[in-house]
């Protein structure tokens, strides 16, 4: 199995539990590794056969940007499920980072893995 990855995708969204977090969009950063078979695309040098990372990135921006979430866990789980439902991906590893959760200068986040077990 091959891996297509997207790293450092910054998306503004409403996320958090505190009242102030519910009032202003915050940036979340998504890193995702997508297990897929790249051989058909590579054999024909054909984008139509590839897992188009620009399409995946656009869909992530739409999905995450349109949501309002309290927990990073919820956002990560729903985002992973959307990817598995909409793209030819057997499994994924998704890291979701909230860079400045309380203006303290640190980062928090979650890493999840979903989909079929590794072969």
PDB file of N, CA and C in Angstrom:
ATOM      1  N   UNK A   1       0.847  -1.175   0.000  1.00  0.00           N
ATOM      2  CA  UNK A   1       0.000   0.000   0.000  1.00  0.00           C
ATOM      3  C   UNK A   1       0.894   1.240   0.000  1.00  0.00           C
ATOM      4  N   UNK A   2       0.437   2.260  -0.687  1.00  0.00           N
ATOM      5  CA  UNK A   2       1.187   3.505  -0.820  1.00  0.00           C
ATOM      6  C   UNK A   2       0.546   4.584   0.053  1.00  0.00           C
ATOM      7  N   UNK A   3       1.250   5.683   0.225  1.00  0.00           N
ATOM      8  CA  UNK A   3       0.747   6.762   1.073  1.00  0.00           C
ATOM      9  C   UNK A   3       0.839   8.088   0.343  1.00  0.00           C
ATOM     10  N   UNK A   4      -0.284   8.762   0.271  1.00  0.00           N
ATOM     11  CA  UNK A   4      -0.341  10.152  -0.174  1.00  0.00           C
ATOM     12  C   UNK A   4      -0.505  10.971   1.092  1.00  0.00           C
ATOM     13  N   UNK A   5       0.281  12.049   1.228  1.00  0.00           N
ATOM     14  CA  UNK A   5       0.152  12.824   2.453  1.00  0.00           C
ATOM     15  C   UNK A   5      -0.057  14.301   2.174  1.00  0.00           C
ATOM     16  N   UNK A   6      -0.708  14.936   3.110  1.00  0.00           N
ATOM     17  CA  UNK A   6      -0.915  16.385   3.125  1.00  0.00           C
ATOM     18  C   UNK A   6      -0.460  16.843   4.500  1.00  0.00           C
ATOM     19  N   UNK A   7       0.417  17.830   4.530  1.00  0.00           N
ATOM     20  CA  UNK A   7       0.932  18.314   5.814  1.00  0.00           C
ATOM     21  C   UNK A   7       0.791  19.825   5.902  1.00  0.00           C
ATOM     22  N   UNK A   8       0.484  20.280   7.100  1.00  0.00           N
ATOM     23  CA  UNK A   8       0.460  21.711   7.367  1.00  0.00           C
ATOM     24  C   UNK A   8      -0.713  22.456   6.766  1.00  0.00           C
ATOM     25  N   UNK A   9      -1.830  21.768   6.528  1.00  0.00           N
ATOM     26  CA  UNK A   9      -3.014  22.408   5.971  1.00  0.00           C
ATOM     27  C   UNK A   9      -3.703  23.220   7.068  1.00  0.00           C
ATOM     28  N   UNK A  10      -3.646  24.535   6.962  1.00  0.00           N
ATOM     29  CA  UNK A  10      -4.226  25.428   7.964  1.00  0.00           C
ATOM     30  C   UNK A  10      -5.637  25.811   7.550  1.00  0.00           C
ATOM     31  N   UNK A  11      -6.586  25.601   8.482  1.00  0.00           N
ATOM     32  CA  UNK A  11      -7.991  25.856   8.183  1.00  0.00           C
ATOM     33  C   UNK A  11      -8.622  26.617   9.350  1.00  0.00           C
ATOM     34  N   UNK A  12      -9.261  27.755   9.093  1.00  0.00           N
ATOM     35  CA  UNK A  12      -9.982  28.447  10.156  1.00  0.00           C
ATOM     36  C   UNK A  12     -11.325  27.768  10.419  1.00  0.00           C
ATOM     37  N   UNK A  13     -11.668  27.616  11.705  1.00  0.00           N
ATOM     38  CA  UNK A  13     -12.939  27.010  12.084  1.00  0.00           C
ATOM     39  C   UNK A  13     -13.311  27.449  13.495  1.00  0.00           C
ATOM     40  N   UNK A  14     -14.562  27.236  13.849  1.00  0.00           N
ATOM     41  CA  UNK A  14     -14.989  27.463  15.229  1.00  0.00           C
ATOM     42  C   UNK A  14     -14.762  26.179  16.000  1.00  0.00           C
ATOM     43  N   UNK A  15     -13.904  26.240  16.998  1.00  0.00           N
ATOM     44  CA  UNK A  15     -13.612  25.064  17.806  1.00  0.00           C
ATOM     45  C   UNK A  15     -13.254  25.486  19.212  1.00  0.00           C
ATOM     46  N   UNK A  16     -13.797  24.761  20.170  1.00  0.00           N
ATOM     47  CA  UNK A  16     -13.475  25.020  21.560  1.00  0.00           C
ATOM     48  C   UNK A  16     -14.706  24.989  22.444  1.00  0.00           C
ATOM     49  N   UNK A  17     -14.444  24.924  23.724  1.00  0.00           N
ATOM     50  CA  UNK A  17     -15.507  24.849  24.725  1.00  0.00           C
ATOM     51  C   UNK A  17     -15.753  26.205  25.369  1.00  0.00           C
ATOM     52  N   UNK A  18     -14.694  26.976  25.567  1.00  0.00           N
ATOM     53  CA  UNK A  18     -14.817  28.270  26.244  1.00  0.00           C
ATOM     54  C   UNK A  18     -15.679  29.226  25.410  1.00  0.00           C
ATOM     55  N   UNK A  19     -16.372  30.103  26.086  1.00  0.00           N
ATOM     56  CA  UNK A  19     -17.256  31.056  25.405  1.00  0.00           C
ATOM     57  C   UNK A  19     -16.510  31.886  24.361  1.00  0.00           C
ATOM     58  N   UNK A  20     -15.317  32.350  24.694  1.00  0.00           N
ATOM     59  CA  UNK A  20     -14.576  33.163  23.729  1.00  0.00           C
ATOM     60  C   UNK A  20     -14.212  32.365  22.483  1.00  0.00           C
ATOM     61  N   UNK A  21     -14.006  31.050  22.649  1.00  0.00           N
ATOM     62  CA  UNK A  21     -13.675  30.203  21.508  1.00  0.00           C
ATOM     63  C   UNK A  21     -14.861  30.036  20.569  1.00  0.00           C
ATOM     64  N   UNK A  22     -16.048  30.213  21.080  1.00  0.00           N
ATOM     65  CA  UNK A  22     -17.260  30.050  20.280  1.00  0.00           C
ATOM     66  C   UNK A  22     -17.561  31.312  19.460  1.00  0.00           C
ATOM     67  N   UNK A  23     -16.795  32.380  19.707  1.00  0.00           N
ATOM     68  CA  UNK A  23     -17.056  33.666  19.067  1.00  0.00           C
ATOM     69  C   UNK A  23     -16.133  33.987  17.897  1.00  0.00           C
ATOM     70  N   UNK A  24     -14.972  33.353  17.853  1.00  0.00           N
ATOM     71  CA  UNK A  24     -13.981  33.710  16.847  1.00  0.00           C
ATOM     72  C   UNK A  24     -13.363  32.442  16.247  1.00  0.00           C
ATOM     73  N   UNK A  25     -13.155  32.461  14.945  1.00  0.00           N
ATOM     74  CA  UNK A  25     -12.526  31.312  14.310  1.00  0.00           C
ATOM     75  C   UNK A  25     -11.072  31.193  14.760  1.00  0.00           C
ATOM     76  N   UNK A  26     -10.639  29.955  14.905  1.00  0.00           N
ATOM     77  CA  UNK A  26      -9.253  29.651  15.213  1.00  0.00           C
ATOM     78  C   UNK A  26      -8.695  28.791  14.091  1.00  0.00           C
ATOM     79  N   UNK A  27      -7.404  28.835  13.924  1.00  0.00           N
ATOM     80  CA  UNK A  27      -6.749  27.993  12.926  1.00  0.00           C
ATOM     81  C   UNK A  27      -6.487  26.616  13.531  1.00  0.00           C
ATOM     82  N   UNK A  28      -6.844  25.573  12.778  1.00  0.00           N
ATOM     83  CA  UNK A  28      -6.389  24.228  13.103  1.00  0.00           C
ATOM     84  C   UNK A  28      -5.480  23.792  11.959  1.00  0.00           C
ATOM     85  N   UNK A  29      -4.533  22.942  12.285  1.00  0.00           N
ATOM     86  CA  UNK A  29      -3.597  22.435  11.282  1.00  0.00           C
ATOM     87  C   UNK A  29      -3.835  20.935  11.144  1.00  0.00           C
ATOM     88  N   UNK A  30      -3.979  20.514   9.902  1.00  0.00           N
ATOM     89  CA  UNK A  30      -4.221  19.099   9.622  1.00  0.00           C
ATOM     90  C   UNK A  30      -3.038  18.516   8.863  1.00  0.00           C
ATOM     91  N   UNK A  31      -2.586  17.375   9.359  1.00  0.00           N
ATOM     92  CA  UNK A  31      -1.614  16.525   8.675  1.00  0.00           C
ATOM     93  C   UNK A  31      -2.306  15.186   8.482  1.00  0.00           C
ATOM     94  N   UNK A  32      -2.314  14.693   7.272  1.00  0.00           N
ATOM     95  CA  UNK A  32      -3.013  13.434   7.034  1.00  0.00           C
ATOM     96  C   UNK A  32      -2.206  12.562   6.078  1.00  0.00           C
ATOM     97  N   UNK A  33      -2.170  11.275   6.389  1.00  0.00           N
ATOM     98  CA  UNK A  33      -1.553  10.268   5.529  1.00  0.00           C
ATOM     99  C   UNK A  33      -2.665   9.343   5.058  1.00  0.00           C
ATOM    100  N   UNK A  34      -2.749   9.156   3.744  1.00  0.00           N
ATOM    101  CA  UNK A  34      -3.843   8.411   3.129  1.00  0.00           C
ATOM    102  C   UNK A  34      -3.301   7.191   2.407  1.00  0.00           C
ATOM    103  N   UNK A  35      -3.702   6.012   2.842  1.00  0.00           N
ATOM    104  CA  UNK A  35      -3.251   4.764   2.225  1.00  0.00           C
ATOM    105  C   UNK A  35      -4.095   4.476   0.993  1.00  0.00           C
ATOM    106  N   UNK A  36      -3.415   4.398  -0.133  1.00  0.00           N
ATOM    107  CA  UNK A  36      -4.087   4.154  -1.401  1.00  0.00           C
ATOM    108  C   UNK A  36      -3.102   3.481  -2.359  1.00  0.00           C
ATOM    109  N   UNK A  37      -3.592   2.980  -3.436  1.00  0.00           N
ATOM    110  CA  UNK A  37      -2.741   2.335  -4.445  1.00  0.00           C
ATOM    111  C   UNK A  37      -2.434   3.356  -5.538  1.00  0.00           C
ATOM    112  N   UNK A  38      -1.172   3.755  -5.669  1.00  0.00           N
ATOM    113  CA  UNK A  38      -0.816   4.756  -6.673  1.00  0.00           C
ATOM    114  C   UNK A  38      -0.410   4.143  -8.014  1.00  0.00           C
ATOM    115  N   UNK A  39      -0.343   2.818  -8.113  1.00  0.00           N
ATOM    116  CA  UNK A  39       0.174   2.201  -9.340  1.00  0.00           C
ATOM    117  C   UNK A  39      -0.642   2.520 -10.588  1.00  0.00           C
ATOM    118  N   UNK A  40      -1.976   2.573 -10.548  1.00  0.00           N
ATOM    119  CA  UNK A  40      -2.699   2.930 -11.777  1.00  0.00           C
ATOM    120  C   UNK A  40      -2.346   4.335 -12.275  1.00  0.00           C
ATOM    121  N   UNK A  41      -2.246   5.288 -11.368  1.00  0.00           N
ATOM    122  CA  UNK A  41      -1.899   6.659 -11.760  1.00  0.00           C
ATOM    123  C   UNK A  41      -0.472   6.720 -12.293  1.00  0.00           C
ATOM    124  N   UNK A  42       0.442   6.045 -11.613  1.00  0.00           N
ATOM    125  CA  UNK A  42       1.845   6.068 -12.028  1.00  0.00           C
ATOM    126  C   UNK A  42       2.046   5.385 -13.376  1.00  0.00           C
ATOM    127  N   UNK A  43       1.329   4.291 -13.600  1.00  0.00           N
ATOM    128  CA  UNK A  43       1.493   3.541 -14.851  1.00  0.00           C
ATOM    129  C   UNK A  43       1.107   4.372 -16.064  1.00  0.00           C
ATOM    130  N   UNK A  44       0.039   5.154 -15.929  1.00  0.00           N
ATOM    131  CA  UNK A  44      -0.424   5.936 -17.067  1.00  0.00           C
ATOM    132  C   UNK A  44      -0.100   7.409 -16.978  1.00  0.00           C
ATOM    133  N   UNK A  45       0.581   7.820 -15.900  1.00  0.00           N
ATOM    134  CA  UNK A  45       0.880   9.236 -15.672  1.00  0.00           C
ATOM    135  C   UNK A  45      -0.393  10.069 -15.824  1.00  0.00           C
ATOM    136  N   UNK A  46      -1.470   9.581 -15.166  1.00  0.00           N
ATOM    137  CA  UNK A  46      -2.806  10.122 -15.383  1.00  0.00           C
ATOM    138  C   UNK A  46      -3.424  10.586 -14.063  1.00  0.00           C
ATOM    139  N   UNK A  47      -3.663  11.875 -13.950  1.00  0.00           N
ATOM    140  CA  UNK A  47      -4.256  12.443 -12.744  1.00  0.00           C
ATOM    141  C   UNK A  47      -5.633  11.858 -12.448  1.00  0.00           C
ATOM    142  N   UNK A  48      -6.365  11.471 -13.484  1.00  0.00           N
ATOM    143  CA  UNK A  48      -7.702  10.897 -13.266  1.00  0.00           C
ATOM    144  C   UNK A  48      -7.647   9.588 -12.484  1.00  0.00           C
ATOM    145  N   UNK A  49      -6.497   8.925 -12.497  1.00  0.00           N
ATOM    146  CA  UNK A  49      -6.316   7.667 -11.766  1.00  0.00           C
ATOM    147  C   UNK A  49      -5.711   7.881 -10.380  1.00  0.00           C
ATOM    148  N   UNK A  50      -5.376   9.119 -10.054  1.00  0.00           N
ATOM    149  CA  UNK A  50      -4.680   9.418  -8.798  1.00  0.00           C
ATOM    150  C   UNK A  50      -5.652   9.872  -7.712  1.00  0.00           C
ATOM    151  N   UNK A  51      -5.216   9.745  -6.483  1.00  0.00           N
ATOM    152  CA  UNK A  51      -5.892  10.386  -5.363  1.00  0.00           C
ATOM    153  C   UNK A  51      -5.389  11.827  -5.379  1.00  0.00           C
ATOM    154  N   UNK A  52      -6.197  12.714  -5.900  1.00  0.00           N
ATOM    155  CA  UNK A  52      -5.794  14.102  -6.143  1.00  0.00           C
ATOM    156  C   UNK A  52      -5.753  14.866  -4.824  1.00  0.00           C
ATOM    157  N   UNK A  53      -4.546  15.126  -4.343  1.00  0.00           N
ATOM    158  CA  UNK A  53      -4.409  15.788  -3.052  1.00  0.00           C
ATOM    159  C   UNK A  53      -4.981  17.200  -3.058  1.00  0.00           C
ATOM    160  N   UNK A  54      -5.059  17.855  -4.225  1.00  0.00           N
ATOM    161  CA  UNK A  54      -5.678  19.186  -4.252  1.00  0.00           C
ATOM    162  C   UNK A  54      -7.188  19.088  -4.018  1.00  0.00           C
ATOM    163  N   UNK A  55      -7.812  18.043  -4.527  1.00  0.00           N
ATOM    164  CA  UNK A  55      -9.243  17.829  -4.293  1.00  0.00           C
ATOM    165  C   UNK A  55      -9.486  17.468  -2.829  1.00  0.00           C
ATOM    166  N   UNK A  56      -8.637  16.615  -2.269  1.00  0.00           N
ATOM    167  CA  UNK A  56      -8.765  16.249  -0.855  1.00  0.00           C
ATOM    168  C   UNK A  56      -8.588  17.497   0.019  1.00  0.00           C
ATOM    169  N   UNK A  57      -7.585  18.313  -0.289  1.00  0.00           N
ATOM    170  CA  UNK A  57      -7.339  19.535   0.490  1.00  0.00           C
ATOM    171  C   UNK A  57      -8.527  20.487   0.422  1.00  0.00           C
ATOM    172  N   UNK A  58      -9.078  20.659  -0.763  1.00  0.00           N
ATOM    173  CA  UNK A  58     -10.250  21.535  -0.924  1.00  0.00           C
ATOM    174  C   UNK A  58     -11.421  21.026  -0.093  1.00  0.00           C
ATOM    175  N   UNK A  59     -11.642  19.717  -0.131  1.00  0.00           N
ATOM    176  CA  UNK A  59     -12.761  19.141   0.638  1.00  0.00           C
ATOM    177  C   UNK A  59     -12.529  19.287   2.134  1.00  0.00           C
ATOM    178  N   UNK A  60     -11.289  19.125   2.578  1.00  0.00           N
ATOM    179  CA  UNK A  60     -10.972  19.335   3.987  1.00  0.00           C
ATOM    180  C   UNK A  60     -11.261  20.772   4.395  1.00  0.00           C
ATOM    181  N   UNK A  61     -10.874  21.734   3.555  1.00  0.00           N
ATOM    182  CA  UNK A  61     -11.147  23.147   3.856  1.00  0.00           C
ATOM    183  C   UNK A  61     -12.644  23.400   3.974  1.00  0.00           C
ATOM    184  N   UNK A  62     -13.420  22.828   3.068  1.00  0.00           N
ATOM    185  CA  UNK A  62     -14.878  22.997   3.102  1.00  0.00           C
ATOM    186  C   UNK A  62     -15.474  22.380   4.360  1.00  0.00           C
ATOM    187  N   UNK A  63     -15.101  21.135   4.622  1.00  0.00           N
ATOM    188  CA  UNK A  63     -15.694  20.391   5.738  1.00  0.00           C
ATOM    189  C   UNK A  63     -15.331  20.994   7.085  1.00  0.00           C
ATOM    190  N   UNK A  64     -14.053  21.190   7.314  1.00  0.00           N
ATOM    191  CA  UNK A  64     -13.601  21.716   8.604  1.00  0.00           C
ATOM    192  C   UNK A  64     -14.038  23.168   8.775  1.00  0.00           C
ATOM    193  N   UNK A  65     -13.931  23.952   7.719  1.00  0.00           N
ATOM    194  CA  UNK A  65     -14.280  25.366   7.789  1.00  0.00           C
ATOM    195  C   UNK A  65     -15.752  25.620   8.035  1.00  0.00           C
ATOM    196  N   UNK A  66     -16.610  24.711   7.603  1.00  0.00           N
ATOM    197  CA  UNK A  66     -18.052  24.890   7.766  1.00  0.00           C
ATOM    198  C   UNK A  66     -18.560  24.407   9.122  1.00  0.00           C
ATOM    199  N   UNK A  67     -17.754  23.670   9.839  1.00  0.00           N
ATOM    200  CA  UNK A  67     -18.208  23.076  11.089  1.00  0.00           C
ATOM    201  C   UNK A  67     -18.052  23.992  12.283  1.00  0.00           C
ATOM    202  N   UNK A  68     -18.728  23.624  13.334  1.00  0.00           N
ATOM    203  CA  UNK A  68     -18.523  24.239  14.647  1.00  0.00           C
ATOM    204  C   UNK A  68     -18.395  23.089  15.630  1.00  0.00           C
ATOM    205  N   UNK A  69     -17.237  22.971  16.221  1.00  0.00           N
ATOM    206  CA  UNK A  69     -16.927  21.833  17.071  1.00  0.00           C
ATOM    207  C   UNK A  69     -16.467  22.319  18.435  1.00  0.00           C
ATOM    208  N   UNK A  70     -16.755  21.541  19.455  1.00  0.00           N
ATOM    209  CA  UNK A  70     -16.227  21.844  20.772  1.00  0.00           C
ATOM    210  C   UNK A  70     -14.902  21.132  20.999  1.00  0.00           C
ATOM    211  N   UNK A  71     -14.838  19.862  20.629  1.00  0.00           N
ATOM    212  CA  UNK A  71     -13.665  19.038  20.930  1.00  0.00           C
ATOM    213  C   UNK A  71     -12.848  18.716  19.684  1.00  0.00           C
ATOM    214  N   UNK A  72     -11.525  18.737  19.824  1.00  0.00           N
ATOM    215  CA  UNK A  72     -10.669  18.319  18.714  1.00  0.00           C
ATOM    216  C   UNK A  72     -10.919  16.849  18.399  1.00  0.00           C
ATOM    217  N   UNK A  73     -11.289  16.070  19.399  1.00  0.00           N
ATOM    218  CA  UNK A  73     -11.591  14.654  19.182  1.00  0.00           C
ATOM    219  C   UNK A  73     -12.755  14.490  18.204  1.00  0.00           C
ATOM    220  N   UNK A  74     -13.793  15.296  18.381  1.00  0.00           N
ATOM    221  CA  UNK A  74     -14.962  15.226  17.504  1.00  0.00           C
ATOM    222  C   UNK A  74     -14.592  15.646  16.096  1.00  0.00           C
ATOM    223  N   UNK A  75     -13.873  16.736  15.980  1.00  0.00           N
ATOM    224  CA  UNK A  75     -13.451  17.208  14.664  1.00  0.00           C
ATOM    225  C   UNK A  75     -12.584  16.170  13.961  1.00  0.00           C
ATOM    226  N   UNK A  76     -11.649  15.571  14.660  1.00  0.00           N
ATOM    227  CA  UNK A  76     -10.774  14.561  14.059  1.00  0.00           C
ATOM    228  C   UNK A  76     -11.580  13.347  13.601  1.00  0.00           C
ATOM    229  N   UNK A  77     -12.454  12.849  14.442  1.00  0.00           N
ATOM    230  CA  UNK A  77     -13.248  11.661  14.111  1.00  0.00           C
ATOM    231  C   UNK A  77     -14.140  11.911  12.897  1.00  0.00           C
ATOM    232  N   UNK A  78     -14.838  13.027  12.883  1.00  0.00           N
ATOM    233  CA  UNK A  78     -15.739  13.323  11.766  1.00  0.00           C
ATOM    234  C   UNK A  78     -14.967  13.593  10.470  1.00  0.00           C
ATOM    235  N   UNK A  79     -13.825  14.216  10.585  1.00  0.00           N
ATOM    236  CA  UNK A  79     -13.006  14.479   9.412  1.00  0.00           C
ATOM    237  C   UNK A  79     -12.479  13.175   8.827  1.00  0.00           C
ATOM    238  N   UNK A  80     -12.005  12.284   9.669  1.00  0.00           N
ATOM    239  CA  UNK A  80     -11.519  10.982   9.205  1.00  0.00           C
ATOM    240  C   UNK A  80     -12.630  10.200   8.515  1.00  0.00           C
ATOM    241  N   UNK A  81     -13.811  10.206   9.102  1.00  0.00           N
ATOM    242  CA  UNK A  81     -14.925   9.470   8.503  1.00  0.00           C
ATOM    243  C   UNK A  81     -15.316  10.057   7.156  1.00  0.00           C
ATOM    244  N   UNK A  82     -15.306  11.384   7.040  1.00  0.00           N
ATOM    245  CA  UNK A  82     -15.617  12.023   5.763  1.00  0.00           C
ATOM    246  C   UNK A  82     -14.630  11.570   4.688  1.00  0.00           C
ATOM    247  N   UNK A  83     -13.355  11.552   5.018  1.00  0.00           N
ATOM    248  CA  UNK A  83     -12.342  11.138   4.043  1.00  0.00           C
ATOM    249  C   UNK A  83     -12.579   9.692   3.608  1.00  0.00           C
ATOM    250  N   UNK A  84     -12.793   8.798   4.563  1.00  0.00           N
ATOM    251  CA  UNK A  84     -13.022   7.392   4.232  1.00  0.00           C
ATOM    252  C   UNK A  84     -14.280   7.204   3.398  1.00  0.00           C
ATOM    253  N   UNK A  85     -15.308   8.011   3.652  1.00  0.00           N
ATOM    254  CA  UNK A  85     -16.561   7.905   2.905  1.00  0.00           C
ATOM    255  C   UNK A  85     -16.469   8.455   1.484  1.00  0.00           C
ATOM    256  N   UNK A  86     -15.651   9.466   1.285  1.00  0.00           N
ATOM    257  CA  UNK A  86     -15.675  10.192   0.019  1.00  0.00           C
ATOM    258  C   UNK A  86     -14.496   9.931  -0.920  1.00  0.00           C
ATOM    259  N   UNK A  87     -13.439   9.300  -0.431  1.00  0.00           N
ATOM    260  CA  UNK A  87     -12.246   9.118  -1.255  1.00  0.00           C
ATOM    261  C   UNK A  87     -11.802   7.658  -1.237  1.00  0.00           C
ATOM    262  N   UNK A  88     -11.083   7.217  -2.284  1.00  0.00           N
ATOM    263  CA  UNK A  88     -10.620   5.826  -2.353  1.00  0.00           C
ATOM    264  C   UNK A  88      -9.391   5.602  -1.467  1.00  0.00           C
ATOM    265  N   UNK A  89      -9.657   5.583  -0.180  1.00  0.00           N
ATOM    266  CA  UNK A  89      -8.610   5.461   0.838  1.00  0.00           C
ATOM    267  C   UNK A  89      -8.941   4.244   1.698  1.00  0.00           C
ATOM    268  N   UNK A  90      -7.978   3.351   1.873  1.00  0.00           N
ATOM    269  CA  UNK A  90      -8.216   2.160   2.688  1.00  0.00           C
ATOM    270  C   UNK A  90      -8.048   2.447   4.183  1.00  0.00           C
ATOM    271  N   UNK A  91      -7.100   3.323   4.491  1.00  0.00           N
ATOM    272  CA  UNK A  91      -6.887   3.712   5.886  1.00  0.00           C
ATOM    273  C   UNK A  91      -6.210   5.068   5.901  1.00  0.00           C
ATOM    274  N   UNK A  92      -6.222   5.673   7.078  1.00  0.00           N
ATOM    275  CA  UNK A  92      -5.603   6.984   7.196  1.00  0.00           C
ATOM    276  C   UNK A  92      -5.065   7.204   8.599  1.00  0.00           C
ATOM    277  N   UNK A  93      -4.142   8.123   8.651  1.00  0.00           N
ATOM    278  CA  UNK A  93      -3.605   8.622   9.924  1.00  0.00           C
ATOM    279  C   UNK A  93      -3.784  10.124   9.871  1.00  0.00           C
ATOM    280  N   UNK A  94      -4.549  10.661  10.802  1.00  0.00           N
ATOM    281  CA  UNK A  94      -4.875  12.077  10.805  1.00  0.00           C
ATOM    282  C   UNK A  94      -4.368  12.722  12.084  1.00  0.00           C
ATOM    283  N   UNK A  95      -3.615  13.779  11.929  1.00  0.00           N
ATOM    284  CA  UNK A  95      -3.150  14.577  13.065  1.00  0.00           C
ATOM    285  C   UNK A  95      -3.823  15.936  12.962  1.00  0.00           C
ATOM    286  N   UNK A  96      -4.498  16.322  14.025  1.00  0.00           N
ATOM    287  CA  UNK A  96      -5.174  17.609  14.075  1.00  0.00           C
ATOM    288  C   UNK A  96      -4.552  18.418  15.205  1.00  0.00           C
ATOM    289  N   UNK A  97      -4.037  19.587  14.875  1.00  0.00           N
ATOM    290  CA  UNK A  97      -3.326  20.417  15.838  1.00  0.00           C
ATOM    291  C   UNK A  97      -4.069  21.731  16.015  1.00  0.00           C
ATOM    292  N   UNK A  98      -4.243  22.107  17.264  1.00  0.00           N
ATOM    293  CA  UNK A  98      -4.792  23.412  17.618  1.00  0.00           C
ATOM    294  C   UNK A  98      -3.608  24.210  18.154  1.00  0.00           C
ATOM    295  N   UNK A  99      -2.998  25.075  17.308  1.00  0.00           N
ATOM    296  CA  UNK A  99      -1.715  25.686  17.655  1.00  0.00           C
ATOM    297  C   UNK A  99      -1.710  26.578  18.892  1.00  0.00           C
ATOM    298  N   UNK A 100      -2.734  27.359  19.106  1.00  0.00           N
ATOM    299  CA  UNK A 100      -2.740  28.273  20.246  1.00  0.00           C
ATOM    300  C   UNK A 100      -4.073  28.162  20.979  1.00  0.00           C
ATOM    301  N   UNK A 101      -4.276  27.093  21.717  1.00  0.00           N
ATOM    302  CA  UNK A 101      -5.593  26.851  22.315  1.00  0.00           C
ATOM    303  C   UNK A 101      -6.001  27.878  23.357  1.00  0.00           C
ATOM    304  N   UNK A 102      -5.051  28.487  24.011  1.00  0.00           N
ATOM    305  CA  UNK A 102      -5.416  29.473  25.031  1.00  0.00           C
ATOM    306  C   UNK A 102      -4.408  30.617  25.073  1.00  0.00           C
ATOM    307  N   UNK A 103      -3.830  30.899  23.924  1.00  0.00           N
ATOM    308  CA  UNK A 103      -2.832  31.968  23.783  1.00  0.00           C
ATOM    309  C   UNK A 103      -1.623  31.759  24.679  1.00  0.00           C
ATOM    310  N   UNK A 104      -1.395  30.529  25.097  1.00  0.00           N
ATOM    311  CA  UNK A 104      -0.247  30.240  25.943  1.00  0.00           C
ATOM    312  C   UNK A 104       0.988  29.861  25.154  1.00  0.00           C
ATOM    313  N   UNK A 105       0.905  29.852  23.851  1.00  0.00           N
ATOM    314  CA  UNK A 105       2.061  29.586  23.024  1.00  0.00           C
ATOM    315  C   UNK A 105       2.370  28.121  22.787  1.00  0.00           C
ATOM    316  N   UNK A 106       1.567  27.215  23.301  1.00  0.00           N
ATOM    317  CA  UNK A 106       1.826  25.797  23.070  1.00  0.00           C
ATOM    318  C   UNK A 106       0.808  25.233  22.083  1.00  0.00           C
ATOM    319  N   UNK A 107       0.979  23.979  21.731  1.00  0.00           N
ATOM    320  CA  UNK A 107       0.071  23.305  20.807  1.00  0.00           C
ATOM    321  C   UNK A 107      -0.566  22.107  21.493  1.00  0.00           C
ATOM    322  N   UNK A 108      -1.796  21.831  21.100  1.00  0.00           N
ATOM    323  CA  UNK A 108      -2.471  20.611  21.535  1.00  0.00           C
ATOM    324  C   UNK A 108      -3.050  19.953  20.293  1.00  0.00           C
ATOM    325  N   UNK A 109      -3.398  18.704  20.416  1.00  0.00           N
ATOM    326  CA  UNK A 109      -3.985  18.044  19.270  1.00  0.00           C
ATOM    327  C   UNK A 109      -4.249  16.587  19.528  1.00  0.00           C
ATOM    328  N   UNK A 110      -4.530  15.917  18.464  1.00  0.00           N
ATOM    329  CA  UNK A 110      -4.875  14.504  18.540  1.00  0.00           C
ATOM    330  C   UNK A 110      -4.401  13.818  17.264  1.00  0.00           C
ATOM    331  N   UNK A 111      -4.039  12.566  17.386  1.00  0.00           N
ATOM    332  CA  UNK A 111      -3.691  11.737  16.234  1.00  0.00           C
ATOM    333  C   UNK A 111      -4.587  10.509  16.276  1.00  0.00           C
ATOM    334  N   UNK A 112      -5.256  10.238  15.157  1.00  0.00           N
ATOM    335  CA  UNK A 112      -6.091   9.044  15.070  1.00  0.00           C
ATOM    336  C   UNK A 112      -5.733   8.266  13.820  1.00  0.00           C
ATOM    337  N   UNK A 113      -5.984   6.986  13.852  1.00  0.00           N
ATOM    338  CA  UNK A 113      -5.812   6.116  12.697  1.00  0.00           C
ATOM    339  C   UNK A 113      -7.115   5.369  12.513  1.00  0.00           C
ATOM    340  N   UNK A 114      -7.609   5.379  11.278  1.00  0.00           N
ATOM    341  CA  UNK A 114      -8.879   4.735  10.974  1.00  0.00           C
ATOM    342  C   UNK A 114      -8.765   3.975   9.660  1.00  0.00           C
ATOM    343  N   UNK A 115      -9.644   3.001   9.474  1.00  0.00           N
ATOM    344  CA  UNK A 115      -9.690   2.243   8.245  1.00  0.00           C
ATOM    345  C   UNK A 115      -9.196   0.818   8.438  1.00  0.00           C
ATOM    346  N   UNK A 116      -8.979   0.143   7.315  1.00  0.00           N
ATOM    347  CA  UNK A 116      -8.570  -1.258   7.327  1.00  0.00           C
ATOM    348  C   UNK A 116      -7.201  -1.412   7.994  1.00  0.00           C
ATOM    349  N   UNK A 117      -6.997  -2.532   8.623  1.00  0.00           N
ATOM    350  CA  UNK A 117      -5.709  -2.819   9.278  1.00  0.00           C
ATOM    351  C   UNK A 117      -4.604  -2.916   8.245  1.00  0.00           C
ATOM    352  N   UNK A 118      -3.418  -2.613   8.669  1.00  0.00           N
ATOM    353  CA  UNK A 118      -2.250  -2.682   7.767  1.00  0.00           C
ATOM    354  C   UNK A 118      -2.052  -4.107   7.294  1.00  0.00           C
ATOM    355  N   UNK A 119      -1.634  -4.233   6.049  1.00  0.00           N
ATOM    356  CA  UNK A 119      -1.394  -5.564   5.477  1.00  0.00           C
ATOM    357  C   UNK A 119      -0.037  -6.087   5.878  1.00  0.00           C
TER     358      UNK A 119
END
